[in-house]
Amino acid sequence: MMFSPVRWREDALEILDQTELPWKEVWRELRSWEDAAEAIRKMRVRGAPLIGIVAAYGLVLAVGEHQAGKEREVQFWQALEGLKGTRPTAVNLFHALERLRKVFERHRDSPGLRDLLLAEARAIHREEVQACRAMGRLGATLLPNRAKVVTICNTGALATGGYGTALGVVRAAWEEGKLSMVYPLETRPRLQGARLTAWELLREGIPFRLIADSAAGWLLVTEKIDAVLVGADRIARNGDTANKIGTYTLAVLARRHGVPFYVVAPTSTIDPSLPTGAGIPIEERDEGEVLSPYGMRFAPVGAPAWNPAFDVTPAELITAIITERGILWPPFSESMGSILS
């Protein structure tokens, strides 16, 4: 397993606090499920796969080694509901919690319950990294030699527990000598592209040029871009995809300029219970993230703001969805069924 922003140490989970990057690398120790919930809510950890991983470890923290009976039951169910309420859009969170719930139900009276929950959380972590590597290899096959690609937000090791989804394709293409340049968008208002993707690319020596979100259209006019690569927080059964706000704009621009638009996400991001993206809950965050990003006020005092964290890209704008089980092509309702059955 390559670099990971989370690591289990004895009785605690250590996380790399992503709100501190790129200015400094701060590792924080989480010792309770409340600590894990706070880290998710405050975006100290973020990215759909990583949210699921941290939530899983959070449930492990909820079960004390010396708890038993009613106390253990109450604490576990309280933690389960508390962690469910941290971020509404990323479906990986709910998949991970459901896996640990099933372990708890089967082994609730076992003295080794905590170890069994920890083994399941570690399995989720390991499987997400393996899925990222598989997606990276598959995605790289779609890129030409000396490819130039555009990304949004952060979809690398920092978002997934290791390697990355859309940025995993970038990594794989770079390892195979196929990549020429990456253009990550800043990704306002929290600047995950500027702060986190740039940090990862610099760390690995992958060539990139950071651009403002509003420069994406002109980039597609002036440069020969071979693909737009994005991640996902939830994918409906018809292929409609929720991702970081601004992804829909990129998809429209890519269609206008004839650039392939690829969604890269593990199957844990697919929500087969939703027929279309209309049912995906869109998280709205505090307006202060827009008005005063990172404490720097740019808007006048008293100005209001709207701050949706995600948007939904219609399936008709998506060229293909790259998963660890294969590349899905339209119509997605059919291709998706083939890998989920």
C-alpha atoms as a PDB file:
ATOM      1  CA  MET A   1       0.000   0.000   0.000  1.00  0.00           C
ATOM      2  CA  MET A   2       1.435   3.369  -1.054  1.00  0.00           C
ATOM      3  CA  PHE A   3       1.039   6.657   0.796  1.00  0.00           C
ATOM      4  CA  SER A   4      -2.178   6.777   2.792  1.00  0.00           C
ATOM      5  CA  PRO A   5      -3.668   9.749   4.673  1.00  0.00           C
ATOM      6  CA  VAL A   6      -4.970   7.409   7.410  1.00  0.00           C
ATOM      7  CA  ARG A   7      -3.260   4.749   9.516  1.00  0.00           C
ATOM      8  CA  TRP A   8      -4.405   2.592  12.413  1.00  0.00           C
ATOM      9  CA  ARG A   9      -2.027   2.615  15.374  1.00  0.00           C
ATOM     10  CA  GLU A  10      -2.816   0.400  18.371  1.00  0.00           C
ATOM     11  CA  ASP A  11      -6.063   1.871  19.763  1.00  0.00           C
ATOM     12  CA  ALA A  12      -6.367   4.985  17.629  1.00  0.00           C
ATOM     13  CA  LEU A  13      -6.721   6.171  14.052  1.00  0.00           C
ATOM     14  CA  GLU A  14      -4.224   8.728  12.810  1.00  0.00           C
ATOM     15  CA  ILE A  15      -5.285  11.056   9.996  1.00  0.00           C
ATOM     16  CA  LEU A  16      -3.409  13.596   7.925  1.00  0.00           C
ATOM     17  CA  ASP A  17      -5.420  16.783   8.509  1.00  0.00           C
ATOM     18  CA  GLN A  18      -6.214  17.996   4.999  1.00  0.00           C
ATOM     19  CA  THR A  19      -7.379  21.400   6.192  1.00  0.00           C
ATOM     20  CA  GLU A  20      -3.737  22.103   7.106  1.00  0.00           C
ATOM     21  CA  LEU A  21      -2.335  21.231   3.670  1.00  0.00           C
ATOM     22  CA  PRO A  22      -0.312  22.438   1.866  1.00  0.00           C
ATOM     23  CA  TRP A  23       1.068  24.744   4.546  1.00  0.00           C
ATOM     24  CA  LYS A  24       2.030  21.986   6.957  1.00  0.00           C
ATOM     25  CA  GLU A  25       1.572  18.260   7.460  1.00  0.00           C
ATOM     26  CA  VAL A  26      -0.333  17.648  10.679  1.00  0.00           C
ATOM     27  CA  TRP A  27      -1.269  14.144  11.823  1.00  0.00           C
ATOM     28  CA  ARG A  28      -4.159  14.008  14.279  1.00  0.00           C
ATOM     29  CA  GLU A  29      -5.068  11.118  16.552  1.00  0.00           C
ATOM     30  CA  LEU A  30      -8.724  10.042  16.670  1.00  0.00           C
ATOM     31  CA  ARG A  31      -9.694   8.045  19.758  1.00  0.00           C
ATOM     32  CA  SER A  32     -13.499   8.048  19.586  1.00  0.00           C
ATOM     33  CA  TRP A  33     -16.242   7.842  17.010  1.00  0.00           C
ATOM     34  CA  GLU A  34     -17.021  11.482  17.827  1.00  0.00           C
ATOM     35  CA  ASP A  35     -13.465  12.373  16.786  1.00  0.00           C
ATOM     36  CA  ALA A  36     -13.989  10.536  13.500  1.00  0.00           C
ATOM     37  CA  ALA A  37     -17.329  12.269  12.896  1.00  0.00           C
ATOM     38  CA  GLU A  38     -15.778  15.660  13.576  1.00  0.00           C
ATOM     39  CA  ALA A  39     -12.910  14.935  11.168  1.00  0.00           C
ATOM     40  CA  ILE A  40     -15.408  14.064   8.420  1.00  0.00           C
ATOM     41  CA  ARG A  41     -17.709  17.036   9.051  1.00  0.00           C
ATOM     42  CA  LYS A  42     -14.822  19.520   9.226  1.00  0.00           C
ATOM     43  CA  MET A  43     -13.280  18.007   6.070  1.00  0.00           C
ATOM     44  CA  ARG A  44     -10.067  17.100   7.836  1.00  0.00           C
ATOM     45  CA  VAL A  45     -10.626  13.981   5.743  1.00  0.00           C
ATOM     46  CA  ARG A  46     -12.642  14.163   2.523  1.00  0.00           C
ATOM     47  CA  GLY A  47     -13.272  12.320  -0.720  1.00  0.00           C
ATOM     48  CA  ALA A  48     -16.017   9.699  -0.972  1.00  0.00           C
ATOM     49  CA  PRO A  49     -13.845   6.560  -0.567  1.00  0.00           C
ATOM     50  CA  LEU A  50     -11.823   8.030   2.306  1.00  0.00           C
ATOM     51  CA  ILE A  51     -14.967   9.180   4.116  1.00  0.00           C
ATOM     52  CA  GLY A  52     -16.161   5.574   4.039  1.00  0.00           C
ATOM     53  CA  ILE A  53     -12.831   4.290   5.326  1.00  0.00           C
ATOM     54  CA  VAL A  54     -12.687   6.752   8.232  1.00  0.00           C
ATOM     55  CA  ALA A  55     -16.333   6.086   9.136  1.00  0.00           C
ATOM     56  CA  ALA A  56     -15.559   2.365   9.279  1.00  0.00           C
ATOM     57  CA  TYR A  57     -12.618   2.916  11.604  1.00  0.00           C
ATOM     58  CA  GLY A  58     -14.841   5.293  13.589  1.00  0.00           C
ATOM     59  CA  LEU A  59     -17.231   2.450  14.362  1.00  0.00           C
ATOM     60  CA  VAL A  60     -14.285   0.379  15.583  1.00  0.00           C
ATOM     61  CA  LEU A  61     -13.433   3.205  17.975  1.00  0.00           C
ATOM     62  CA  ALA A  62     -17.015   3.110  19.274  1.00  0.00           C
ATOM     63  CA  VAL A  63     -16.623  -0.421  20.613  1.00  0.00           C
ATOM     64  CA  GLY A  64     -14.382  -0.436  23.673  1.00  0.00           C
ATOM     65  CA  GLU A  65     -12.416  -3.580  24.485  1.00  0.00           C
ATOM     66  CA  HIS A  66     -13.927  -3.749  27.961  1.00  0.00           C
ATOM     67  CA  GLN A  67     -17.506  -2.895  27.010  1.00  0.00           C
ATOM     68  CA  ALA A  68     -20.172  -5.549  27.130  1.00  0.00           C
ATOM     69  CA  GLY A  69     -23.905  -6.107  26.810  1.00  0.00           C
ATOM     70  CA  LYS A  70     -26.213  -3.117  26.828  1.00  0.00           C
ATOM     71  CA  GLU A  71     -23.421  -0.532  27.043  1.00  0.00           C
ATOM     72  CA  ARG A  72     -21.794  -1.901  23.902  1.00  0.00           C
ATOM     73  CA  GLU A  73     -25.134  -1.984  22.039  1.00  0.00           C
ATOM     74  CA  VAL A  74     -26.061   1.590  22.942  1.00  0.00           C
ATOM     75  CA  GLN A  75     -22.638   2.968  22.025  1.00  0.00           C
ATOM     76  CA  PHE A  76     -22.501   1.152  18.693  1.00  0.00           C
ATOM     77  CA  TRP A  77     -25.940   2.263  17.488  1.00  0.00           C
ATOM     78  CA  GLN A  78     -25.331   5.819  18.654  1.00  0.00           C
ATOM     79  CA  ALA A  79     -22.069   5.901  16.713  1.00  0.00           C
ATOM     80  CA  LEU A  80     -23.689   4.376  13.631  1.00  0.00           C
ATOM     81  CA  GLU A  81     -26.377   7.057  13.495  1.00  0.00           C
ATOM     82  CA  GLY A  82     -23.920   9.827  14.327  1.00  0.00           C
ATOM     83  CA  LEU A  83     -21.535   8.861  11.548  1.00  0.00           C
ATOM     84  CA  LYS A  84     -24.384   8.497   9.058  1.00  0.00           C
ATOM     85  CA  GLY A  85     -25.244  12.155   9.617  1.00  0.00           C
ATOM     86  CA  THR A  86     -21.821  13.586   8.847  1.00  0.00           C
ATOM     87  CA  ARG A  87     -21.959  13.962   5.028  1.00  0.00           C
ATOM     88  CA  PRO A  88     -25.158  13.192   3.077  1.00  0.00           C
ATOM     89  CA  THR A  89     -23.931  12.930  -0.532  1.00  0.00           C
ATOM     90  CA  ALA A  90     -21.076  10.390  -0.526  1.00  0.00           C
ATOM     91  CA  VAL A  91     -22.659   6.935  -0.682  1.00  0.00           C
ATOM     92  CA  ASN A  92     -19.394   5.159   0.235  1.00  0.00           C
ATOM     93  CA  LEU A  93     -20.019   6.319   3.798  1.00  0.00           C
ATOM     94  CA  PHE A  94     -23.243   4.321   4.017  1.00  0.00           C
ATOM     95  CA  HIS A  95     -21.805   1.249   2.278  1.00  0.00           C
ATOM     96  CA  ALA A  96     -18.919   1.097   4.761  1.00  0.00           C
ATOM     97  CA  LEU A  97     -21.156   1.560   7.790  1.00  0.00           C
ATOM     98  CA  GLU A  98     -23.501  -1.150   6.530  1.00  0.00           C
ATOM     99  CA  ARG A  99     -20.618  -3.621   6.229  1.00  0.00           C
ATOM    100  CA  LEU A 100     -19.600  -3.020   9.838  1.00  0.00           C
ATOM    101  CA  ARG A 101     -23.211  -3.173  11.007  1.00  0.00           C
ATOM    102  CA  LYS A 102     -23.474  -6.673   9.567  1.00  0.00           C
ATOM    103  CA  VAL A 103     -20.312  -7.752  11.403  1.00  0.00           C
ATOM    104  CA  PHE A 104     -21.716  -6.339  14.635  1.00  0.00           C
ATOM    105  CA  GLU A 105     -25.046  -8.127  14.159  1.00  0.00           C
ATOM    106  CA  ARG A 106     -23.317 -11.470  13.572  1.00  0.00           C
ATOM    107  CA  HIS A 107     -20.795 -11.203  16.398  1.00  0.00           C
ATOM    108  CA  ARG A 108     -22.320  -8.807  18.947  1.00  0.00           C
ATOM    109  CA  ASP A 109     -21.763 -11.253  21.824  1.00  0.00           C
ATOM    110  CA  SER A 110     -18.232 -12.220  20.832  1.00  0.00           C
ATOM    111  CA  PRO A 111     -15.371 -11.140  23.124  1.00  0.00           C
ATOM    112  CA  GLY A 112     -13.371 -10.555  19.945  1.00  0.00           C
ATOM    113  CA  LEU A 113     -15.946  -8.178  18.399  1.00  0.00           C
ATOM    114  CA  ARG A 114     -13.621  -5.192  18.216  1.00  0.00           C
ATOM    115  CA  ASP A 115     -10.954  -7.198  16.403  1.00  0.00           C
ATOM    116  CA  LEU A 116     -13.552  -8.427  13.909  1.00  0.00           C
ATOM    117  CA  LEU A 117     -14.775  -4.888  13.276  1.00  0.00           C
ATOM    118  CA  LEU A 118     -11.192  -3.704  12.846  1.00  0.00           C
ATOM    119  CA  ALA A 119     -10.508  -6.494  10.353  1.00  0.00           C
ATOM    120  CA  GLU A 120     -13.536  -5.392   8.314  1.00  0.00           C
ATOM    121  CA  ALA A 121     -12.473  -1.729   8.392  1.00  0.00           C
ATOM    122  CA  ARG A 122      -8.987  -2.692   7.253  1.00  0.00           C
ATOM    123  CA  ALA A 123     -10.517  -4.804   4.477  1.00  0.00           C
ATOM    124  CA  ILE A 124     -12.537  -1.804   3.274  1.00  0.00           C
ATOM    125  CA  HIS A 125      -9.366   0.305   3.277  1.00  0.00           C
ATOM    126  CA  ARG A 126      -7.372  -2.340   1.413  1.00  0.00           C
ATOM    127  CA  GLU A 127     -10.123  -2.968  -1.141  1.00  0.00           C
ATOM    128  CA  GLU A 128     -10.475   0.742  -1.942  1.00  0.00           C
ATOM    129  CA  VAL A 129      -6.753   1.024  -2.683  1.00  0.00           C
ATOM    130  CA  GLN A 130      -6.825  -2.123  -4.820  1.00  0.00           C
ATOM    131  CA  ALA A 131      -9.845  -0.752  -6.690  1.00  0.00           C
ATOM    132  CA  CYS A 132      -7.989   2.505  -7.348  1.00  0.00           C
ATOM    133  CA  ARG A 133      -5.016   0.689  -8.834  1.00  0.00           C
ATOM    134  CA  ALA A 134      -7.321  -1.354 -11.073  1.00  0.00           C
ATOM    135  CA  MET A 135      -9.158   1.778 -12.224  1.00  0.00           C
ATOM    136  CA  GLY A 136      -5.860   3.495 -12.892  1.00  0.00           C
ATOM    137  CA  ARG A 137      -4.701   0.716 -15.198  1.00  0.00           C
ATOM    138  CA  LEU A 138      -8.033   0.592 -17.039  1.00  0.00           C
ATOM    139  CA  GLY A 139      -8.285   4.346 -17.389  1.00  0.00           C
ATOM    140  CA  ALA A 140      -4.768   4.686 -18.733  1.00  0.00           C
ATOM    141  CA  THR A 141      -5.717   2.468 -21.684  1.00  0.00           C
ATOM    142  CA  LEU A 142      -8.150   5.175 -22.832  1.00  0.00           C
ATOM    143  CA  LEU A 143      -5.476   7.867 -23.057  1.00  0.00           C
ATOM    144  CA  PRO A 144      -3.206   8.471 -26.056  1.00  0.00           C
ATOM    145  CA  ASN A 145       0.557   8.889 -25.747  1.00  0.00           C
ATOM    146  CA  ARG A 146       1.650  12.253 -24.359  1.00  0.00           C
ATOM    147  CA  ALA A 147      -1.850  12.881 -23.088  1.00  0.00           C
ATOM    148  CA  LYS A 148      -2.995  16.191 -21.643  1.00  0.00           C
ATOM    149  CA  VAL A 149      -5.831  15.921 -19.129  1.00  0.00           C
ATOM    150  CA  VAL A 150      -7.989  18.150 -16.931  1.00  0.00           C
ATOM    151  CA  THR A 151      -9.105  17.271 -13.385  1.00  0.00           C
ATOM    152  CA  ILE A 152     -11.235  18.908 -10.714  1.00  0.00           C
ATOM    153  CA  CYS A 153     -11.086  18.747  -6.912  1.00  0.00           C
ATOM    154  CA  ASN A 154      -8.755  16.146  -5.401  1.00  0.00           C
ATOM    155  CA  THR A 155      -9.193  12.517  -6.409  1.00  0.00           C
ATOM    156  CA  GLY A 156      -5.830  11.145  -5.361  1.00  0.00           C
ATOM    157  CA  ALA A 157      -4.438   9.254  -2.388  1.00  0.00           C
ATOM    158  CA  LEU A 158      -5.764  11.992  -0.118  1.00  0.00           C
ATOM    159  CA  ALA A 159      -9.331  11.240  -1.216  1.00  0.00           C
ATOM    160  CA  THR A 160      -9.228   7.456  -1.283  1.00  0.00           C
ATOM    161  CA  GLY A 161      -6.830   6.042   1.270  1.00  0.00           C
ATOM    162  CA  GLY A 162      -4.184   5.442  -1.399  1.00  0.00           C
ATOM    163  CA  TYR A 163      -3.433   5.945  -5.142  1.00  0.00           C
ATOM    164  CA  GLY A 164      -6.645   7.664  -6.240  1.00  0.00           C
ATOM    165  CA  THR A 165      -9.584   7.471  -8.658  1.00  0.00           C
ATOM    166  CA  ALA A 166      -9.307  10.085 -11.424  1.00  0.00           C
ATOM    167  CA  LEU A 167      -5.834  10.977 -10.163  1.00  0.00           C
ATOM    168  CA  GLY A 168      -5.110   7.253 -10.066  1.00  0.00           C
ATOM    169  CA  VAL A 169      -5.580   7.227 -13.857  1.00  0.00           C
ATOM    170  CA  VAL A 170      -3.156  10.146 -14.017  1.00  0.00           C
ATOM    171  CA  ARG A 171      -0.657   8.213 -11.871  1.00  0.00           C
ATOM    172  CA  ALA A 172      -0.968   5.072 -13.971  1.00  0.00           C
ATOM    173  CA  ALA A 173      -0.546   7.016 -17.216  1.00  0.00           C
ATOM    174  CA  TRP A 174       2.536   8.754 -15.790  1.00  0.00           C
ATOM    175  CA  GLU A 175       4.016   5.423 -14.665  1.00  0.00           C
ATOM    176  CA  GLU A 176       3.454   4.074 -18.184  1.00  0.00           C
ATOM    177  CA  GLY A 177       5.081   7.091 -19.843  1.00  0.00           C
ATOM    178  CA  LYS A 178       1.829   8.195 -21.508  1.00  0.00           C
ATOM    179  CA  LEU A 179       1.224  11.500 -19.722  1.00  0.00           C
ATOM    180  CA  SER A 180       2.359  14.928 -20.875  1.00  0.00           C
ATOM    181  CA  MET A 181       0.497  17.419 -18.680  1.00  0.00           C
ATOM    182  CA  VAL A 182      -2.222  17.671 -16.021  1.00  0.00           C
ATOM    183  CA  TYR A 183      -4.380  20.772 -15.626  1.00  0.00           C
ATOM    184  CA  PRO A 184      -6.012  20.633 -12.172  1.00  0.00           C
ATOM    185  CA  LEU A 185      -8.718  23.199 -11.455  1.00  0.00           C
ATOM    186  CA  GLU A 186      -8.322  25.203  -8.239  1.00  0.00           C
ATOM    187  CA  THR A 187     -11.804  23.981  -7.222  1.00  0.00           C
ATOM    188  CA  ARG A 188     -13.384  26.764  -5.257  1.00  0.00           C
ATOM    189  CA  PRO A 189     -14.438  27.500  -2.624  1.00  0.00           C
ATOM    190  CA  ARG A 190     -12.235  25.112  -0.593  1.00  0.00           C
ATOM    191  CA  LEU A 191      -9.483  24.917  -3.218  1.00  0.00           C
ATOM    192  CA  GLN A 192      -8.942  21.163  -3.068  1.00  0.00           C
ATOM    193  CA  GLY A 193      -7.250  21.271  -6.469  1.00  0.00           C
ATOM    194  CA  ALA A 194      -4.865  24.075  -5.542  1.00  0.00           C
ATOM    195  CA  ARG A 195      -4.110  22.820  -2.050  1.00  0.00           C
ATOM    196  CA  LEU A 196      -4.293  19.033  -2.345  1.00  0.00           C
ATOM    197  CA  THR A 197      -3.972  17.889  -5.955  1.00  0.00           C
ATOM    198  CA  ALA A 198      -1.036  20.238  -6.540  1.00  0.00           C
ATOM    199  CA  TRP A 199       0.549  18.917  -3.324  1.00  0.00           C
ATOM    200  CA  GLU A 200       0.221  15.304  -4.530  1.00  0.00           C
ATOM    201  CA  LEU A 201       1.477  16.039  -8.052  1.00  0.00           C
ATOM    202  CA  LEU A 202       4.474  17.982  -6.751  1.00  0.00           C
ATOM    203  CA  ARG A 203       5.250  15.173  -4.319  1.00  0.00           C
ATOM    204  CA  GLU A 204       5.465  12.680  -7.182  1.00  0.00           C
ATOM    205  CA  GLY A 205       7.051  14.901  -9.828  1.00  0.00           C
ATOM    206  CA  ILE A 206       4.090  14.707 -12.224  1.00  0.00           C
ATOM    207  CA  PRO A 207       3.987  17.751 -14.575  1.00  0.00           C
ATOM    208  CA  PHE A 208       1.014  20.066 -14.085  1.00  0.00           C
ATOM    209  CA  ARG A 209      -0.218  23.620 -14.438  1.00  0.00           C
ATOM    210  CA  LEU A 210      -2.843  24.780 -11.972  1.00  0.00           C
ATOM    211  CA  ILE A 211      -5.694  26.804 -13.498  1.00  0.00           C
ATOM    212  CA  ALA A 212      -8.561  28.893 -12.138  1.00  0.00           C
ATOM    213  CA  ASP A 213     -11.936  27.185 -12.428  1.00  0.00           C
ATOM    214  CA  SER A 214     -13.119  29.859 -14.849  1.00  0.00           C
ATOM    215  CA  ALA A 215     -10.144  29.209 -17.179  1.00  0.00           C
ATOM    216  CA  ALA A 216     -11.273  25.695 -18.099  1.00  0.00           C
ATOM    217  CA  GLY A 217     -13.307  26.734 -21.132  1.00  0.00           C
ATOM    218  CA  TRP A 218     -10.528  28.767 -22.679  1.00  0.00           C
ATOM    219  CA  LEU A 219      -8.046  25.967 -21.963  1.00  0.00           C
ATOM    220  CA  LEU A 220     -10.178  23.608 -24.067  1.00  0.00           C
ATOM    221  CA  VAL A 221     -10.128  26.170 -26.882  1.00  0.00           C
ATOM    222  CA  THR A 222      -6.388  26.836 -26.824  1.00  0.00           C
ATOM    223  CA  GLU A 223      -4.893  23.440 -25.922  1.00  0.00           C
ATOM    224  CA  LYS A 224      -5.400  19.961 -27.354  1.00  0.00           C
ATOM    225  CA  ILE A 225      -6.907  18.298 -24.280  1.00  0.00           C
ATOM    226  CA  ASP A 226      -7.313  14.525 -24.539  1.00  0.00           C
ATOM    227  CA  ALA A 227      -9.631  13.868 -21.597  1.00  0.00           C
ATOM    228  CA  VAL A 228     -11.408  15.314 -18.600  1.00  0.00           C
ATOM    229  CA  LEU A 229     -11.052  12.962 -15.612  1.00  0.00           C
ATOM    230  CA  VAL A 230     -13.323  13.392 -12.585  1.00  0.00           C
ATOM    231  CA  GLY A 231     -14.239  11.405  -9.519  1.00  0.00           C
ATOM    232  CA  ALA A 232     -17.692  10.808  -8.053  1.00  0.00           C
ATOM    233  CA  ASP A 233     -19.484  10.899  -4.729  1.00  0.00           C
ATOM    234  CA  ARG A 234     -22.588   9.029  -5.845  1.00  0.00           C
ATOM    235  CA  ILE A 235     -23.654   7.478  -9.153  1.00  0.00           C
ATOM    236  CA  ALA A 236     -27.302   6.685  -9.895  1.00  0.00           C
ATOM    237  CA  ARG A 237     -28.395   3.575 -11.777  1.00  0.00           C
ATOM    238  CA  ASN A 238     -28.749   5.486 -15.065  1.00  0.00           C
ATOM    239  CA  GLY A 239     -25.236   6.965 -14.777  1.00  0.00           C
ATOM    240  CA  ASP A 240     -26.131  10.432 -13.461  1.00  0.00           C
ATOM    241  CA  THR A 241     -23.186  11.386 -11.267  1.00  0.00           C
ATOM    242  CA  ALA A 242     -22.828  13.675  -8.250  1.00  0.00           C
ATOM    243  CA  ASN A 243     -19.378  15.146  -7.809  1.00  0.00           C
ATOM    244  CA  LYS A 244     -17.670  18.296  -6.593  1.00  0.00           C
ATOM    245  CA  ILE A 245     -19.432  21.512  -7.595  1.00  0.00           C
ATOM    246  CA  GLY A 246     -18.158  22.616 -11.006  1.00  0.00           C
ATOM    247  CA  THR A 247     -18.067  19.109 -12.474  1.00  0.00           C
ATOM    248  CA  TYR A 248     -21.290  19.686 -14.418  1.00  0.00           C
ATOM    249  CA  THR A 249     -19.777  22.834 -15.940  1.00  0.00           C
ATOM    250  CA  LEU A 250     -16.726  20.853 -17.031  1.00  0.00           C
ATOM    251  CA  ALA A 251     -18.935  18.193 -18.603  1.00  0.00           C
ATOM    252  CA  VAL A 252     -20.817  20.789 -20.647  1.00  0.00           C
ATOM    253  CA  LEU A 253     -17.536  22.340 -21.799  1.00  0.00           C
ATOM    254  CA  ALA A 254     -16.095  18.947 -22.692  1.00  0.00           C
ATOM    255  CA  ARG A 255     -19.158  18.115 -24.814  1.00  0.00           C
ATOM    256  CA  ARG A 256     -18.961  21.480 -26.581  1.00  0.00           C
ATOM    257  CA  HIS A 257     -15.319  20.874 -27.519  1.00  0.00           C
ATOM    258  CA  GLY A 258     -15.510  17.151 -28.268  1.00  0.00           C
ATOM    259  CA  VAL A 259     -13.289  16.113 -25.340  1.00  0.00           C
ATOM    260  CA  PRO A 260     -13.963  12.705 -23.711  1.00  0.00           C
ATOM    261  CA  PHE A 261     -15.400  13.097 -20.223  1.00  0.00           C
ATOM    262  CA  TYR A 262     -14.586  10.149 -17.947  1.00  0.00           C
ATOM    263  CA  VAL A 263     -15.940   9.490 -14.462  1.00  0.00           C
ATOM    264  CA  VAL A 264     -13.554   7.341 -12.396  1.00  0.00           C
ATOM    265  CA  ALA A 265     -15.087   5.716  -9.319  1.00  0.00           C
ATOM    266  CA  PRO A 266     -15.192   2.386  -7.479  1.00  0.00           C
ATOM    267  CA  THR A 267     -18.379   0.347  -7.545  1.00  0.00           C
ATOM    268  CA  SER A 268     -18.876   1.323  -3.885  1.00  0.00           C
ATOM    269  CA  THR A 269     -19.843   4.769  -5.238  1.00  0.00           C
ATOM    270  CA  ILE A 270     -22.742   3.380  -7.281  1.00  0.00           C
ATOM    271  CA  ASP A 271     -26.143   3.644  -5.609  1.00  0.00           C
ATOM    272  CA  PRO A 272     -28.442   1.165  -7.409  1.00  0.00           C
ATOM    273  CA  SER A 273     -31.353   2.261  -5.218  1.00  0.00           C
ATOM    274  CA  LEU A 274     -31.527   5.555  -7.124  1.00  0.00           C
ATOM    275  CA  PRO A 275     -32.878   5.350 -10.690  1.00  0.00           C
ATOM    276  CA  THR A 276     -31.621   8.855 -11.580  1.00  0.00           C
ATOM    277  CA  GLY A 277     -29.530  11.650 -10.148  1.00  0.00           C
ATOM    278  CA  ALA A 278     -32.670  13.553  -9.165  1.00  0.00           C
ATOM    279  CA  GLY A 279     -32.724  11.567  -5.933  1.00  0.00           C
ATOM    280  CA  ILE A 280     -29.144  12.343  -4.887  1.00  0.00           C
ATOM    281  CA  PRO A 281     -29.055  14.602  -1.794  1.00  0.00           C
ATOM    282  CA  ILE A 282     -26.860  17.627  -2.424  1.00  0.00           C
ATOM    283  CA  GLU A 283     -25.038  18.911   0.635  1.00  0.00           C
ATOM    284  CA  GLU A 284     -25.123  22.672   1.164  1.00  0.00           C
ATOM    285  CA  ARG A 285     -22.288  23.953   3.309  1.00  0.00           C
ATOM    286  CA  ASP A 286     -21.758  27.105   5.332  1.00  0.00           C
ATOM    287  CA  GLU A 287     -21.782  30.303   3.264  1.00  0.00           C
ATOM    288  CA  GLY A 288     -18.620  31.398   5.057  1.00  0.00           C
ATOM    289  CA  GLU A 289     -16.620  29.020   2.842  1.00  0.00           C
ATOM    290  CA  VAL A 290     -17.532  31.286  -0.099  1.00  0.00           C
ATOM    291  CA  LEU A 291     -17.474  34.653   1.639  1.00  0.00           C
ATOM    292  CA  SER A 292     -14.327  34.133   3.719  1.00  0.00           C
ATOM    293  CA  PRO A 293     -12.342  31.156   2.399  1.00  0.00           C
ATOM    294  CA  TYR A 294      -9.796  30.099   5.011  1.00  0.00           C
ATOM    295  CA  GLY A 295     -10.509  33.237   7.011  1.00  0.00           C
ATOM    296  CA  MET A 296      -9.726  35.644   4.165  1.00  0.00           C
ATOM    297  CA  ARG A 297     -12.831  37.809   3.648  1.00  0.00           C
ATOM    298  CA  PHE A 298     -13.298  38.986   0.063  1.00  0.00           C
ATOM    299  CA  ALA A 299     -17.012  39.801   0.066  1.00  0.00           C
ATOM    300  CA  PRO A 300     -18.379  42.822   1.926  1.00  0.00           C
ATOM    301  CA  VAL A 301     -19.774  42.255   5.390  1.00  0.00           C
ATOM    302  CA  GLY A 302     -23.456  41.402   5.111  1.00  0.00           C
ATOM    303  CA  ALA A 303     -23.206  39.794   1.663  1.00  0.00           C
ATOM    304  CA  PRO A 304     -25.097  36.468   1.396  1.00  0.00           C
ATOM    305  CA  ALA A 305     -23.839  33.392  -0.469  1.00  0.00           C
ATOM    306  CA  TRP A 306     -25.080  30.025  -1.757  1.00  0.00           C
ATOM    307  CA  ASN A 307     -22.691  27.118  -1.256  1.00  0.00           C
ATOM    308  CA  PRO A 308     -23.739  23.756  -2.735  1.00  0.00           C
ATOM    309  CA  ALA A 309     -20.843  21.318  -2.294  1.00  0.00           C
ATOM    310  CA  PHE A 310     -21.824  19.107  -5.263  1.00  0.00           C
ATOM    311  CA  ASP A 311     -23.646  19.121  -8.574  1.00  0.00           C
ATOM    312  CA  VAL A 312     -25.068  16.332 -10.726  1.00  0.00           C
ATOM    313  CA  THR A 313     -23.757  15.607 -14.229  1.00  0.00           C
ATOM    314  CA  PRO A 314     -26.388  13.946 -16.451  1.00  0.00           C
ATOM    315  CA  ALA A 315     -25.394  10.578 -17.895  1.00  0.00           C
ATOM    316  CA  GLU A 316     -25.779  11.933 -21.438  1.00  0.00           C
ATOM    317  CA  LEU A 317     -22.676  14.085 -20.904  1.00  0.00           C
ATOM    318  CA  ILE A 318     -20.489  11.217 -19.657  1.00  0.00           C
ATOM    319  CA  THR A 319     -18.352   9.344 -22.182  1.00  0.00           C
ATOM    320  CA  ALA A 320     -17.630   6.385 -19.888  1.00  0.00           C
ATOM    321  CA  ILE A 321     -17.503   5.403 -16.228  1.00  0.00           C
ATOM    322  CA  ILE A 322     -14.279   3.673 -15.203  1.00  0.00           C
ATOM    323  CA  THR A 323     -14.671   1.212 -12.306  1.00  0.00           C
ATOM    324  CA  GLU A 324     -12.413  -1.480 -10.873  1.00  0.00           C
ATOM    325  CA  ARG A 325     -14.629  -4.102 -12.508  1.00  0.00           C
ATOM    326  CA  GLY A 326     -14.480  -2.645 -15.977  1.00  0.00           C
ATOM    327  CA  ILE A 327     -15.202   0.371 -18.157  1.00  0.00           C
ATOM    328  CA  LEU A 328     -18.911   1.129 -18.453  1.00  0.00           C
ATOM    329  CA  TRP A 329     -20.234   2.605 -21.695  1.00  0.00           C
ATOM    330  CA  PRO A 330     -23.680   4.051 -22.415  1.00  0.00           C
ATOM    331  CA  PRO A 331     -26.399   3.094 -21.913  1.00  0.00           C
ATOM    332  CA  PHE A 332     -25.212   2.931 -18.324  1.00  0.00           C
ATOM    333  CA  SER A 333     -28.381   1.333 -16.974  1.00  0.00           C
ATOM    334  CA  GLU A 334     -27.435  -1.756 -18.997  1.00  0.00           C
ATOM    335  CA  SER A 335     -23.641  -1.772 -18.554  1.00  0.00           C
ATOM    336  CA  MET A 336     -23.971  -1.039 -14.844  1.00  0.00           C
ATOM    337  CA  GLY A 337     -26.296  -3.985 -14.390  1.00  0.00           C
ATOM    338  CA  SER A 338     -23.688  -6.305 -15.853  1.00  0.00           C
ATOM    339  CA  ILE A 339     -21.149  -5.513 -13.107  1.00  0.00           C
ATOM    340  CA  LEU A 340     -23.551  -5.209 -10.181  1.00  0.00           C
ATOM    341  CA  SER A 341     -25.466  -8.455 -10.754  1.00  0.00           C
END
